Amino acid sequence: MKEIVRIDSNHRMSRAVVCNGFVFIGGQTASDATQDIKGQTAQVLQKIDDFLEKAGLDKTRIVSAQIWLANIQSDFSKMNEVWDAWVPEGHTPARATVESRLALPELLIEITVIAAG
């Protein structure tokens, strides 16, 4: 049986799980929700970088990303500016972006990714 490693776990969830050569990073949101969509996106991407590092990987290993925006019409292009600068050329993952009501009204974005070891 393959080992499962849980990173930053609490009674409800793990922020990341490593299993069978994959890293599953749960939905990440901004710590400072007073920032605009670009600021919140940058914060979320930094959290993803940090969890990937804890798992021994980097963003070139991301194979899938799911993005939820509170307001896709006003924030999609601004979020993509930050995303496009962050994703290494030649390493774009499969991705879906949708509009959704997030857990708190001040949150503008949530991202989850899967990376391959």
Protein backbone atom coordinates (compact mmCIF):
# COMPACT_ATOMS: atom_id res chain seq x y z
CA MET A 1 0.00 0.00 0.00
CA LYS A 2 1.31 3.46 -0.91
CA GLU A 3 2.15 5.89 1.87
CA ILE A 4 -0.04 8.98 2.20
CA VAL A 5 1.62 12.11 3.58
CA ARG A 6 -0.62 14.91 4.83
CA ILE A 7 0.77 18.45 5.09
CA ASP A 8 -0.63 21.10 7.45
CA SER A 9 -3.55 19.02 8.66
CA ASN A 10 -6.23 19.88 11.18
CA HIS A 11 -9.45 18.20 12.31
CA ARG A 12 -11.21 19.14 9.05
CA MET A 13 -8.68 18.94 6.23
CA SER A 14 -5.11 18.82 5.02
CA ARG A 15 -3.74 21.73 3.01
CA ALA A 16 -1.82 19.29 0.82
CA VAL A 17 -1.68 15.51 0.44
CA VAL A 18 1.12 13.54 -1.21
CA CYS A 19 0.22 10.10 -2.54
CA ASN A 20 1.35 7.80 -5.33
CA GLY A 21 3.65 10.42 -6.86
CA PHE A 22 1.04 13.20 -6.87
CA VAL A 23 0.59 16.27 -4.70
CA PHE A 24 -2.98 17.46 -4.18
CA ILE A 25 -3.14 21.03 -2.88
CA GLY A 26 -6.52 21.97 -1.46
CA GLY A 27 -8.28 25.23 -2.22
CA GLN A 28 -6.09 28.18 -1.29
CA THR A 29 -7.38 31.68 -0.60
CA ALA A 30 -5.71 34.97 0.25
CA SER A 31 -4.61 35.67 3.81
CA ASP A 32 -5.13 39.40 3.28
CA ALA A 33 -8.55 39.69 1.67
CA THR A 34 -8.39 43.50 1.63
CA GLN A 35 -6.27 43.32 -1.53
CA ASP A 36 -7.70 43.45 -5.05
CA ILE A 37 -7.85 40.43 -7.36
CA LYS A 38 -4.22 40.81 -8.44
CA GLY A 39 -3.01 40.97 -4.85
CA GLN A 40 -5.16 38.05 -3.76
CA THR A 41 -4.06 35.98 -6.77
CA ALA A 42 -0.40 36.64 -5.98
CA GLN A 43 -0.94 35.55 -2.37
CA VAL A 44 -2.67 32.34 -3.40
CA LEU A 45 0.04 31.47 -5.92
CA GLN A 46 2.71 32.04 -3.27
CA LYS A 47 0.88 29.63 -0.95
CA ILE A 48 0.82 27.06 -3.75
CA ASP A 49 4.57 27.55 -4.29
CA ASP A 50 5.15 27.04 -0.56
CA PHE A 51 3.13 23.80 -0.41
CA LEU A 52 4.83 22.47 -3.52
CA GLU A 53 8.20 23.19 -1.91
CA LYS A 54 7.14 21.32 1.25
CA ALA A 55 6.31 18.37 -0.98
CA GLY A 56 9.66 18.60 -2.80
CA LEU A 57 8.28 19.93 -6.10
CA ASP A 58 7.89 23.21 -7.94
CA LYS A 59 5.23 24.76 -10.19
CA THR A 60 6.67 23.15 -13.34
CA ARG A 61 5.16 19.90 -12.03
CA ILE A 62 1.56 21.17 -11.86
CA VAL A 63 -0.66 19.11 -14.16
CA SER A 64 -4.09 20.49 -13.25
CA ALA A 65 -5.52 23.69 -11.74
CA GLN A 66 -9.04 24.71 -10.80
CA ILE A 67 -9.77 28.37 -10.18
CA TRP A 68 -12.88 29.88 -8.65
CA LEU A 69 -13.52 33.61 -9.01
CA ALA A 70 -16.17 35.53 -7.10
CA ASN A 71 -16.72 37.77 -10.13
CA ILE A 72 -15.44 36.24 -13.36
CA GLN A 73 -16.54 39.15 -15.57
CA SER A 74 -14.56 41.81 -13.73
CA ASP A 75 -11.62 39.72 -12.48
CA PHE A 76 -10.81 37.08 -15.12
CA SER A 77 -8.37 39.15 -17.19
CA LYS A 78 -6.71 40.72 -14.12
CA MET A 79 -6.25 37.31 -12.50
CA ASN A 80 -4.80 35.98 -15.76
CA GLU A 81 -2.17 38.75 -15.80
CA VAL A 82 -0.80 37.46 -12.50
CA TRP A 83 -1.28 33.79 -13.45
CA ASP A 84 0.47 34.21 -16.81
CA ALA A 85 3.49 35.85 -15.17
CA TRP A 86 3.65 33.03 -12.60
CA VAL A 87 3.32 29.93 -14.82
CA PRO A 88 6.66 28.96 -16.38
CA GLU A 89 6.64 28.98 -20.17
CA GLY A 90 6.05 25.49 -21.53
CA HIS A 91 4.56 24.25 -18.25
CA THR A 92 0.91 25.31 -18.46
CA PRO A 93 -1.39 22.86 -16.69
CA ALA A 94 -4.85 21.74 -17.69
CA ARG A 95 -7.07 24.42 -16.15
CA ALA A 96 -10.67 25.35 -15.48
CA THR A 97 -11.89 28.73 -14.23
CA VAL A 98 -15.44 29.31 -13.04
CA GLU A 99 -17.44 31.84 -11.08
CA SER A 100 -18.55 30.82 -7.62
CA ARG A 101 -19.66 32.27 -4.31
CA LEU A 102 -16.67 31.77 -2.01
CA ALA A 103 -16.62 31.05 1.73
CA LEU A 104 -16.32 34.72 2.72
CA PRO A 105 -17.62 37.72 0.75
CA GLU A 106 -14.23 39.47 0.79
CA LEU A 107 -12.49 36.54 -0.88
CA LEU A 108 -12.13 37.02 -4.64
CA ILE A 109 -10.29 33.84 -5.67
CA GLU A 110 -9.61 30.26 -4.65
CA ILE A 111 -7.24 27.89 -6.44
CA THR A 112 -6.52 24.17 -6.09
CA VAL A 113 -3.83 22.28 -8.01
CA ILE A 114 -2.53 18.78 -8.60
CA ALA A 115 1.17 18.24 -9.28
CA ALA A 116 3.05 15.14 -10.40
CA GLY A 117 6.22 14.02 -8.68
